[in-house]
Amino acid sequence: MVRRLITGLTLVSLAGMTLVGCGSDSDDESGVDSEALEWAENFCSHVQEGSDALSLPEATTTDPAQTRDDYVGFLNDVAAQLDAIGQDIESDGPPPVVNGQESYDAAMDELNEAREALDAATTQLEEAEVEDEESLTAALEAAGESMADVQAYGGPEATFRNNPDIEAALNEAENCESL
């Protein structure tokens, strides 16, 4: 039961990290602008780096408080990767396509909202009194409920895909194929 809750909590957290399946170039037959393709390549590279940097904590202890602390640490790592991806997206700026700024603003707003929900769940889990498996289960369930916004979050990629020009670039970019 606890293993299932931990897995669910982890998968919810990772939902915002598995972001893309990306994008090409107006100089070839695809019709995708080369600047948009370059932007998509960079975007997918940032997402891949963030995903590669995460690893699930291993359940190596039977101590419920230590298990909670391990998952708090993992959620903090997820938060740090969300921050890094956000900073990378800010550094690259809006996609160079029609309505790229609007898509960028929406993606950043949603990323920040997911980050806040993750922070709230992490704090809640960190402060939970955990003495046995039952209290650990309750703490993980409560943190999972706090992460409902993160659970629904598809990452910046989902928001960017609402723009057909960005979606075309993401579909053509080689860096996006491995995501």
N, C-alpha and C. Protein backbone atom coordinates (compact mmCIF):
# COMPACT_ATOMS: atom_id res chain seq x y z
N MET A 1 0.83 -1.20 0.00
CA MET A 1 0.00 0.00 0.00
C MET A 1 0.86 1.25 0.00
N VAL A 2 1.84 1.31 0.90
CA VAL A 2 2.71 2.47 0.97
C VAL A 2 3.50 2.59 -0.33
N ARG A 3 3.99 1.50 -0.86
CA ARG A 3 4.75 1.50 -2.10
C ARG A 3 3.91 2.10 -3.23
N ARG A 4 2.64 1.73 -3.31
CA ARG A 4 1.74 2.25 -4.34
C ARG A 4 1.54 3.75 -4.16
N LEU A 5 1.37 4.20 -2.93
CA LEU A 5 1.21 5.63 -2.67
C LEU A 5 2.46 6.40 -3.02
N ILE A 6 3.61 5.85 -2.67
CA ILE A 6 4.87 6.50 -2.99
C ILE A 6 5.04 6.58 -4.51
N THR A 7 4.74 5.50 -5.19
CA THR A 7 4.85 5.50 -6.64
C THR A 7 3.91 6.53 -7.24
N GLY A 8 2.68 6.59 -6.74
CA GLY A 8 1.72 7.58 -7.23
C GLY A 8 2.20 9.00 -6.99
N LEU A 9 2.72 9.25 -5.82
CA LEU A 9 3.22 10.58 -5.48
C LEU A 9 4.39 10.94 -6.40
N THR A 10 5.26 9.99 -6.62
CA THR A 10 6.41 10.22 -7.49
C THR A 10 5.97 10.47 -8.92
N LEU A 11 5.06 9.66 -9.42
CA LEU A 11 4.60 9.84 -10.79
C LEU A 11 3.91 11.18 -10.98
N VAL A 12 3.16 11.60 -9.98
CA VAL A 12 2.53 12.91 -10.03
C VAL A 12 3.60 13.99 -10.15
N SER A 13 4.64 13.85 -9.38
CA SER A 13 5.72 14.83 -9.41
C SER A 13 6.42 14.85 -10.75
N LEU A 14 6.59 13.68 -11.31
CA LEU A 14 7.31 13.60 -12.57
C LEU A 14 6.47 14.01 -13.76
N ALA A 15 5.17 14.08 -13.58
CA ALA A 15 4.31 14.47 -14.69
C ALA A 15 4.73 15.79 -15.29
N GLY A 16 5.16 16.72 -14.43
CA GLY A 16 5.61 18.00 -14.94
C GLY A 16 6.99 17.95 -15.53
N MET A 17 7.70 16.82 -15.37
CA MET A 17 9.06 16.75 -15.88
C MET A 17 9.14 16.01 -17.21
N THR A 18 8.21 15.12 -17.50
CA THR A 18 8.25 14.46 -18.78
C THR A 18 7.43 15.28 -19.74
N LEU A 19 8.09 16.24 -20.30
CA LEU A 19 7.40 17.33 -20.96
C LEU A 19 7.18 17.20 -22.45
N VAL A 20 8.08 16.64 -23.20
CA VAL A 20 8.05 16.91 -24.64
C VAL A 20 8.09 15.66 -25.50
N GLY A 21 7.72 15.83 -26.72
CA GLY A 21 7.91 14.91 -27.82
C GLY A 21 8.02 15.81 -29.04
N CYS A 22 9.17 16.33 -29.35
CA CYS A 22 9.43 17.55 -30.14
C CYS A 22 9.52 17.54 -31.66
N GLY A 23 10.18 18.63 -32.50
CA GLY A 23 10.30 19.34 -33.66
C GLY A 23 10.98 19.64 -34.93
N SER A 24 11.44 20.89 -36.76
CA SER A 24 12.20 20.93 -38.03
C SER A 24 12.45 22.31 -38.56
N ASP A 25 12.47 22.58 -39.87
CA ASP A 25 13.17 23.73 -40.44
C ASP A 25 12.52 24.20 -41.74
N SER A 26 12.30 25.51 -41.89
CA SER A 26 11.63 26.01 -43.09
C SER A 26 12.49 25.85 -44.33
N ASP A 27 13.76 25.56 -44.15
CA ASP A 27 14.64 25.36 -45.29
C ASP A 27 14.47 23.97 -45.90
N ASP A 28 13.74 23.09 -45.22
CA ASP A 28 13.50 21.78 -45.81
C ASP A 28 12.01 21.64 -46.12
N GLU A 29 11.61 20.44 -46.46
CA GLU A 29 10.23 20.22 -46.90
C GLU A 29 9.20 20.33 -45.80
N SER A 30 9.59 20.38 -44.55
CA SER A 30 8.61 20.40 -43.45
C SER A 30 7.89 21.74 -43.34
N GLY A 31 8.55 22.80 -43.76
CA GLY A 31 7.93 24.13 -43.66
C GLY A 31 8.12 24.79 -42.31
N VAL A 32 8.87 24.17 -41.40
CA VAL A 32 9.11 24.75 -40.08
C VAL A 32 10.26 25.75 -40.18
N ASP A 33 10.04 26.92 -39.64
CA ASP A 33 11.05 27.97 -39.65
C ASP A 33 12.29 27.52 -38.89
N SER A 34 13.48 27.84 -39.42
CA SER A 34 14.73 27.40 -38.80
C SER A 34 14.91 27.97 -37.39
N GLU A 35 14.47 29.20 -37.15
CA GLU A 35 14.58 29.78 -35.80
C GLU A 35 13.66 29.06 -34.83
N ALA A 36 12.47 28.70 -35.29
CA ALA A 36 11.54 27.95 -34.44
C ALA A 36 12.10 26.57 -34.14
N LEU A 37 12.73 25.96 -35.12
CA LEU A 37 13.34 24.65 -34.92
C LEU A 37 14.48 24.74 -33.90
N GLU A 38 15.30 25.75 -34.03
CA GLU A 38 16.39 25.93 -33.08
C GLU A 38 15.84 26.11 -31.66
N TRP A 39 14.79 26.91 -31.53
CA TRP A 39 14.16 27.11 -30.22
C TRP A 39 13.68 25.77 -29.67
N ALA A 40 13.00 24.96 -30.52
CA ALA A 40 12.47 23.66 -30.08
C ALA A 40 13.59 22.73 -29.67
N GLU A 41 14.69 22.73 -30.42
CA GLU A 41 15.83 21.88 -30.08
C GLU A 41 16.35 22.24 -28.68
N ASN A 42 16.49 23.53 -28.42
CA ASN A 42 16.96 23.99 -27.10
C ASN A 42 15.98 23.61 -26.01
N PHE A 43 14.72 23.84 -26.25
CA PHE A 43 13.67 23.53 -25.27
C PHE A 43 13.73 22.05 -24.89
N CYS A 44 13.74 21.18 -25.89
CA CYS A 44 13.75 19.74 -25.61
C CYS A 44 15.03 19.31 -24.92
N SER A 45 16.13 19.96 -25.24
CA SER A 45 17.39 19.67 -24.57
C SER A 45 17.30 19.98 -23.09
N HIS A 46 16.69 21.12 -22.76
CA HIS A 46 16.52 21.50 -21.35
C HIS A 46 15.66 20.47 -20.62
N VAL A 47 14.59 20.05 -21.25
CA VAL A 47 13.69 19.09 -20.62
C VAL A 47 14.40 17.77 -20.40
N GLN A 48 15.14 17.32 -21.40
CA GLN A 48 15.87 16.05 -21.28
C GLN A 48 16.88 16.11 -20.14
N GLU A 49 17.62 17.22 -20.05
CA GLU A 49 18.60 17.38 -18.98
C GLU A 49 17.92 17.32 -17.61
N GLY A 50 16.76 17.96 -17.49
CA GLY A 50 16.03 17.93 -16.22
C GLY A 50 15.56 16.54 -15.86
N SER A 51 15.07 15.81 -16.85
CA SER A 51 14.61 14.45 -16.60
C SER A 51 15.76 13.53 -16.23
N ASP A 52 16.89 13.69 -16.92
CA ASP A 52 18.05 12.84 -16.66
C ASP A 52 18.62 13.06 -15.26
N ALA A 53 18.42 14.25 -14.72
CA ALA A 53 19.00 14.59 -13.42
C ALA A 53 18.22 13.99 -12.25
N LEU A 54 17.05 13.45 -12.51
CA LEU A 54 16.22 12.91 -11.43
C LEU A 54 16.35 11.40 -11.32
N SER A 55 16.35 10.94 -10.09
CA SER A 55 16.27 9.50 -9.86
C SER A 55 15.41 9.28 -8.62
N LEU A 56 14.59 8.26 -8.72
CA LEU A 56 13.68 7.94 -7.63
C LEU A 56 14.47 7.46 -6.43
N PRO A 57 14.03 7.85 -5.24
CA PRO A 57 14.70 7.31 -4.05
C PRO A 57 14.41 5.82 -3.93
N GLU A 58 15.38 5.09 -3.47
CA GLU A 58 15.20 3.66 -3.27
C GLU A 58 14.70 3.41 -1.86
N ALA A 59 13.76 2.51 -1.75
CA ALA A 59 13.23 2.16 -0.44
C ALA A 59 14.22 1.22 0.23
N THR A 60 15.19 1.80 0.93
CA THR A 60 16.23 1.00 1.56
C THR A 60 16.06 0.92 3.07
N THR A 61 15.00 1.51 3.56
CA THR A 61 14.80 1.52 5.00
C THR A 61 13.37 1.11 5.33
N THR A 62 13.18 0.61 6.52
CA THR A 62 11.84 0.32 7.00
C THR A 62 11.38 1.41 7.97
N ASP A 63 12.21 2.42 8.15
CA ASP A 63 11.90 3.54 9.03
C ASP A 63 10.99 4.52 8.29
N PRO A 64 9.71 4.63 8.71
CA PRO A 64 8.77 5.51 8.01
C PRO A 64 9.23 6.97 7.96
N ALA A 65 9.84 7.47 9.03
CA ALA A 65 10.29 8.86 9.03
C ALA A 65 11.41 9.05 8.01
N GLN A 66 12.31 8.08 7.90
CA GLN A 66 13.39 8.16 6.91
C GLN A 66 12.83 8.08 5.50
N THR A 67 11.83 7.22 5.30
CA THR A 67 11.19 7.11 3.99
C THR A 67 10.56 8.44 3.61
N ARG A 68 9.87 9.07 4.55
CA ARG A 68 9.28 10.39 4.31
C ARG A 68 10.38 11.39 3.93
N ASP A 69 11.46 11.39 4.69
CA ASP A 69 12.56 12.33 4.42
C ASP A 69 13.18 12.09 3.05
N ASP A 70 13.29 10.82 2.65
CA ASP A 70 13.82 10.50 1.33
C ASP A 70 12.93 11.09 0.23
N TYR A 71 11.62 10.98 0.42
CA TYR A 71 10.71 11.52 -0.59
C TYR A 71 10.62 13.04 -0.55
N VAL A 72 10.80 13.62 0.59
CA VAL A 72 10.89 15.08 0.67
C VAL A 72 12.11 15.54 -0.13
N GLY A 73 13.22 14.83 0.05
CA GLY A 73 14.43 15.15 -0.71
C GLY A 73 14.21 15.01 -2.20
N PHE A 74 13.51 13.95 -2.59
CA PHE A 74 13.21 13.75 -4.01
C PHE A 74 12.34 14.88 -4.55
N LEU A 75 11.31 15.24 -3.80
CA LEU A 75 10.43 16.33 -4.25
C LEU A 75 11.19 17.65 -4.34
N ASN A 76 12.13 17.85 -3.44
CA ASN A 76 12.98 19.04 -3.53
C ASN A 76 13.84 19.01 -4.80
N ASP A 77 14.30 17.82 -5.16
CA ASP A 77 15.06 17.67 -6.41
C ASP A 77 14.17 17.97 -7.62
N VAL A 78 12.93 17.50 -7.59
CA VAL A 78 11.99 17.79 -8.67
C VAL A 78 11.78 19.30 -8.77
N ALA A 79 11.61 19.94 -7.63
CA ALA A 79 11.41 21.40 -7.62
C ALA A 79 12.62 22.11 -8.21
N ALA A 80 13.81 21.66 -7.86
CA ALA A 80 15.03 22.28 -8.39
C ALA A 80 15.10 22.11 -9.91
N GLN A 81 14.69 20.97 -10.40
CA GLN A 81 14.70 20.75 -11.85
C GLN A 81 13.64 21.60 -12.54
N LEU A 82 12.48 21.75 -11.94
CA LEU A 82 11.47 22.65 -12.50
C LEU A 82 12.00 24.08 -12.56
N ASP A 83 12.69 24.48 -11.51
CA ASP A 83 13.30 25.82 -11.50
C ASP A 83 14.32 25.96 -12.63
N ALA A 84 15.15 24.94 -12.79
CA ALA A 84 16.18 24.99 -13.83
C ALA A 84 15.55 25.05 -15.22
N ILE A 85 14.52 24.25 -15.45
CA ILE A 85 13.84 24.28 -16.74
C ILE A 85 13.21 25.65 -16.97
N GLY A 86 12.58 26.19 -15.94
CA GLY A 86 11.99 27.52 -16.05
C GLY A 86 13.03 28.58 -16.39
N GLN A 87 14.18 28.50 -15.74
CA GLN A 87 15.26 29.46 -16.03
C GLN A 87 15.78 29.29 -17.44
N ASP A 88 15.90 28.06 -17.90
CA ASP A 88 16.36 27.82 -19.27
C ASP A 88 15.35 28.35 -20.29
N ILE A 89 14.08 28.14 -20.03
CA ILE A 89 13.05 28.65 -20.94
C ILE A 89 13.09 30.17 -20.96
N GLU A 90 13.24 30.79 -19.77
CA GLU A 90 13.35 32.25 -19.71
C GLU A 90 14.57 32.73 -20.48
N SER A 91 15.66 32.01 -20.37
CA SER A 91 16.89 32.39 -21.06
C SER A 91 16.71 32.32 -22.59
N ASP A 92 16.03 31.30 -23.06
CA ASP A 92 15.78 31.16 -24.50
C ASP A 92 14.73 32.15 -25.00
N GLY A 93 13.83 32.55 -24.11
CA GLY A 93 12.78 33.49 -24.49
C GLY A 93 11.63 32.81 -25.23
N PRO A 94 10.67 33.61 -25.65
CA PRO A 94 9.49 33.06 -26.32
C PRO A 94 9.85 32.41 -27.66
N PRO A 95 9.10 31.43 -28.06
CA PRO A 95 9.32 30.82 -29.37
C PRO A 95 9.12 31.87 -30.48
N PRO A 96 9.97 31.86 -31.49
CA PRO A 96 9.88 32.85 -32.56
C PRO A 96 8.83 32.48 -33.61
N VAL A 97 7.58 32.44 -33.17
CA VAL A 97 6.46 32.09 -34.05
C VAL A 97 5.30 33.04 -33.75
N VAL A 98 4.29 33.00 -34.59
CA VAL A 98 3.09 33.78 -34.36
C VAL A 98 2.48 33.37 -33.03
N ASN A 99 2.16 34.32 -32.20
CA ASN A 99 1.59 34.11 -30.86
C ASN A 99 2.54 33.36 -29.93
N GLY A 100 3.83 33.41 -30.23
CA GLY A 100 4.83 32.75 -29.39
C GLY A 100 4.90 33.35 -27.99
N GLN A 101 4.76 34.67 -27.89
CA GLN A 101 4.82 35.33 -26.58
C GLN A 101 3.65 34.88 -25.70
N GLU A 102 2.47 34.77 -26.29
CA GLU A 102 1.30 34.33 -25.52
C GLU A 102 1.48 32.90 -25.03
N SER A 103 1.99 32.05 -25.90
CA SER A 103 2.24 30.66 -25.50
C SER A 103 3.30 30.59 -24.40
N TYR A 104 4.33 31.39 -24.55
CA TYR A 104 5.41 31.45 -23.56
C TYR A 104 4.86 31.91 -22.21
N ASP A 105 4.08 32.99 -22.21
CA ASP A 105 3.52 33.51 -20.95
C ASP A 105 2.65 32.47 -20.27
N ALA A 106 1.81 31.78 -21.05
CA ALA A 106 0.93 30.75 -20.49
C ALA A 106 1.76 29.59 -19.93
N ALA A 107 2.78 29.18 -20.66
CA ALA A 107 3.62 28.06 -20.20
C ALA A 107 4.34 28.41 -18.91
N MET A 108 4.85 29.63 -18.82
CA MET A 108 5.57 30.04 -17.61
C MET A 108 4.60 30.17 -16.43
N ASP A 109 3.41 30.69 -16.66
CA ASP A 109 2.42 30.80 -15.59
C ASP A 109 2.07 29.41 -15.05
N GLU A 110 1.84 28.46 -15.94
CA GLU A 110 1.47 27.11 -15.52
C GLU A 110 2.64 26.42 -14.81
N LEU A 111 3.85 26.67 -15.28
CA LEU A 111 5.03 26.10 -14.62
C LEU A 111 5.15 26.64 -13.20
N ASN A 112 4.94 27.92 -13.03
CA ASN A 112 5.01 28.53 -11.70
C ASN A 112 3.90 28.02 -10.78
N GLU A 113 2.71 27.81 -11.32
CA GLU A 113 1.61 27.25 -10.51
C GLU A 113 1.93 25.82 -10.07
N ALA A 114 2.47 25.04 -10.97
CA ALA A 114 2.85 23.66 -10.62
C ALA A 114 3.94 23.66 -9.56
N ARG A 115 4.86 24.57 -9.68
CA ARG A 115 5.96 24.69 -8.72
C ARG A 115 5.42 25.03 -7.33
N GLU A 116 4.45 25.95 -7.28
CA GLU A 116 3.84 26.32 -5.99
C GLU A 116 3.10 25.14 -5.37
N ALA A 117 2.38 24.38 -6.19
CA ALA A 117 1.67 23.20 -5.68
C ALA A 117 2.66 22.16 -5.16
N LEU A 118 3.77 22.00 -5.87
CA LEU A 118 4.80 21.07 -5.43
C LEU A 118 5.41 21.51 -4.11
N ASP A 119 5.66 22.82 -3.97
CA ASP A 119 6.19 23.35 -2.71
C ASP A 119 5.23 23.08 -1.55
N ALA A 120 3.95 23.30 -1.79
CA ALA A 120 2.96 23.09 -0.73
C ALA A 120 2.92 21.62 -0.31
N ALA A 121 2.95 20.73 -1.27
CA ALA A 121 2.92 19.30 -0.95
C ALA A 121 4.20 18.87 -0.23
N THR A 122 5.32 19.40 -0.67
CA THR A 122 6.59 19.05 -0.03
C THR A 122 6.61 19.51 1.42
N THR A 123 6.17 20.73 1.66
CA THR A 123 6.12 21.26 3.02
C THR A 123 5.18 20.43 3.89
N GLN A 124 4.03 20.10 3.32
CA GLN A 124 3.05 19.29 4.06
C GLN A 124 3.65 17.94 4.43
N LEU A 125 4.33 17.30 3.49
CA LEU A 125 4.93 16.00 3.77
C LEU A 125 6.07 16.14 4.78
N GLU A 126 6.86 17.18 4.63
CA GLU A 126 8.00 17.41 5.53
C GLU A 126 7.55 17.62 6.97
N GLU A 127 6.43 18.28 7.15
CA GLU A 127 5.94 18.60 8.50
C GLU A 127 5.06 17.51 9.10
N ALA A 128 4.74 16.50 8.33
CA ALA A 128 3.86 15.43 8.81
C ALA A 128 4.55 14.62 9.90
N GLU A 129 3.81 14.31 10.94
CA GLU A 129 4.28 13.43 12.00
C GLU A 129 4.18 12.00 11.48
N VAL A 130 5.30 11.35 11.34
CA VAL A 130 5.35 9.99 10.80
C VAL A 130 6.05 9.10 11.80
N GLU A 131 5.28 8.15 12.33
CA GLU A 131 5.81 7.25 13.34
C GLU A 131 5.72 5.79 12.94
N ASP A 132 4.82 5.49 12.02
CA ASP A 132 4.63 4.11 11.59
C ASP A 132 4.12 4.10 10.15
N GLU A 133 3.89 2.92 9.62
CA GLU A 133 3.44 2.80 8.23
C GLU A 133 2.09 3.49 8.01
N GLU A 134 1.22 3.40 8.97
CA GLU A 134 -0.10 4.03 8.85
C GLU A 134 0.02 5.56 8.76
N SER A 135 0.83 6.16 9.60
CA SER A 135 0.99 7.61 9.55
C SER A 135 1.75 8.04 8.29
N LEU A 136 2.67 7.19 7.81
CA LEU A 136 3.36 7.47 6.55
C LEU A 136 2.36 7.46 5.39
N THR A 137 1.50 6.46 5.38
CA THR A 137 0.48 6.37 4.34
C THR A 137 -0.42 7.60 4.35
N ALA A 138 -0.83 8.02 5.52
CA ALA A 138 -1.68 9.21 5.63
C ALA A 138 -0.96 10.46 5.14
N ALA A 139 0.32 10.58 5.48
CA ALA A 139 1.11 11.74 5.06
C ALA A 139 1.28 11.76 3.54
N LEU A 140 1.53 10.61 2.96
CA LEU A 140 1.69 10.53 1.50
C LEU A 140 0.37 10.80 0.78
N GLU A 141 -0.73 10.31 1.34
CA GLU A 141 -2.03 10.58 0.73
C GLU A 141 -2.34 12.08 0.77
N ALA A 142 -2.08 12.71 1.89
CA ALA A 142 -2.34 14.14 2.03
C ALA A 142 -1.46 14.95 1.07
N ALA A 143 -0.20 14.58 0.96
CA ALA A 143 0.69 15.28 0.02
C ALA A 143 0.22 15.06 -1.41
N GLY A 144 -0.24 13.87 -1.71
CA GLY A 144 -0.76 13.57 -3.05
C GLY A 144 -1.97 14.43 -3.38
N GLU A 145 -2.84 14.62 -2.41
CA GLU A 145 -4.01 15.48 -2.64
C GLU A 145 -3.59 16.93 -2.87
N SER A 146 -2.57 17.37 -2.17
CA SER A 146 -2.07 18.73 -2.36
C SER A 146 -1.45 18.92 -3.74
N MET A 147 -1.05 17.81 -4.33
CA MET A 147 -0.41 17.88 -5.63
C MET A 147 -1.37 17.68 -6.79
N ALA A 148 -2.65 17.86 -6.53
CA ALA A 148 -3.65 17.67 -7.59
C ALA A 148 -3.34 18.57 -8.78
N ASP A 149 -2.89 19.80 -8.52
CA ASP A 149 -2.56 20.71 -9.63
C ASP A 149 -1.37 20.18 -10.43
N VAL A 150 -0.41 19.61 -9.75
CA VAL A 150 0.75 19.06 -10.44
C VAL A 150 0.33 17.85 -11.25
N GLN A 151 -0.58 17.06 -10.70
CA GLN A 151 -1.06 15.87 -11.37
C GLN A 151 -1.69 16.22 -12.72
N ALA A 152 -2.41 17.31 -12.78
CA ALA A 152 -3.09 17.72 -14.00
C ALA A 152 -2.14 18.45 -14.97
N TYR A 153 -0.98 18.81 -14.50
CA TYR A 153 -0.04 19.60 -15.29
C TYR A 153 0.67 18.75 -16.33
N GLY A 154 0.62 19.18 -17.57
CA GLY A 154 1.28 18.47 -18.66
C GLY A 154 2.64 19.03 -19.01
N GLY A 155 3.10 20.01 -18.23
CA GLY A 155 4.38 20.63 -18.50
C GLY A 155 4.27 21.72 -19.55
N PRO A 156 5.33 22.49 -19.72
CA PRO A 156 5.30 23.57 -20.70
C PRO A 156 5.04 23.04 -22.11
N GLU A 157 5.49 21.83 -22.38
CA GLU A 157 5.29 21.26 -23.72
C GLU A 157 3.81 21.22 -24.08
N ALA A 158 2.97 20.81 -23.15
CA ALA A 158 1.54 20.74 -23.45
C ALA A 158 0.98 22.11 -23.81
N THR A 159 1.41 23.12 -23.10
CA THR A 159 0.96 24.49 -23.39
C THR A 159 1.50 24.94 -24.74
N PHE A 160 2.78 24.70 -24.98
CA PHE A 160 3.36 25.10 -26.25
C PHE A 160 2.70 24.39 -27.43
N ARG A 161 2.28 23.16 -27.23
CA ARG A 161 1.64 22.40 -28.32
C ARG A 161 0.27 22.96 -28.70
N ASN A 162 -0.28 23.83 -27.89
CA ASN A 162 -1.53 24.49 -28.27
C ASN A 162 -1.34 25.46 -29.42
N ASN A 163 -0.09 25.83 -29.69
CA ASN A 163 0.24 26.71 -30.80
C ASN A 163 0.72 25.81 -31.95
N PRO A 164 0.01 25.81 -33.10
CA PRO A 164 0.38 24.89 -34.18
C PRO A 164 1.79 25.09 -34.72
N ASP A 165 2.29 26.32 -34.72
CA ASP A 165 3.65 26.56 -35.21
C ASP A 165 4.69 25.97 -34.28
N ILE A 166 4.45 26.08 -32.98
CA ILE A 166 5.38 25.49 -32.01
C ILE A 166 5.28 23.97 -32.07
N GLU A 167 4.07 23.47 -32.17
CA GLU A 167 3.89 22.02 -32.25
C GLU A 167 4.64 21.44 -33.45
N ALA A 168 4.57 22.12 -34.59
CA ALA A 168 5.29 21.65 -35.77
C ALA A 168 6.80 21.61 -35.51
N ALA A 169 7.33 22.64 -34.86
CA ALA A 169 8.76 22.67 -34.54
C ALA A 169 9.12 21.55 -33.56
N LEU A 170 8.29 21.34 -32.54
CA LEU A 170 8.55 20.27 -31.57
C LEU A 170 8.52 18.90 -32.24
N ASN A 171 7.63 18.73 -33.19
CA ASN A 171 7.52 17.44 -33.90
C ASN A 171 8.72 17.16 -34.79
N GLU A 172 9.41 18.20 -35.21
CA GLU A 172 10.55 18.04 -36.13
C GLU A 172 11.91 18.02 -35.43
N ALA A 173 12.01 18.56 -34.25
CA ALA A 173 13.31 18.69 -33.58
C ALA A 173 13.87 17.32 -33.18
N GLU A 174 15.10 17.07 -33.55
CA GLU A 174 15.75 15.79 -33.23
C GLU A 174 15.90 15.59 -31.73
N ASN A 175 16.20 16.66 -30.97
CA ASN A 175 16.36 16.53 -29.52
C ASN A 175 15.10 16.08 -28.83
N CYS A 176 13.98 16.21 -29.51
CA CYS A 176 12.70 15.86 -28.89
C CYS A 176 12.33 14.41 -29.09
N GLU A 177 13.01 13.73 -29.99
CA GLU A 177 12.66 12.36 -30.29
C GLU A 177 12.85 11.41 -29.10
N SER A 178 13.82 11.71 -28.25
CA SER A 178 14.13 10.79 -27.14
C SER A 178 13.29 11.06 -25.90
N LEU A 179 12.44 12.07 -25.96
CA LEU A 179 11.64 12.39 -24.77
C LEU A 179 10.37 11.59 -24.71
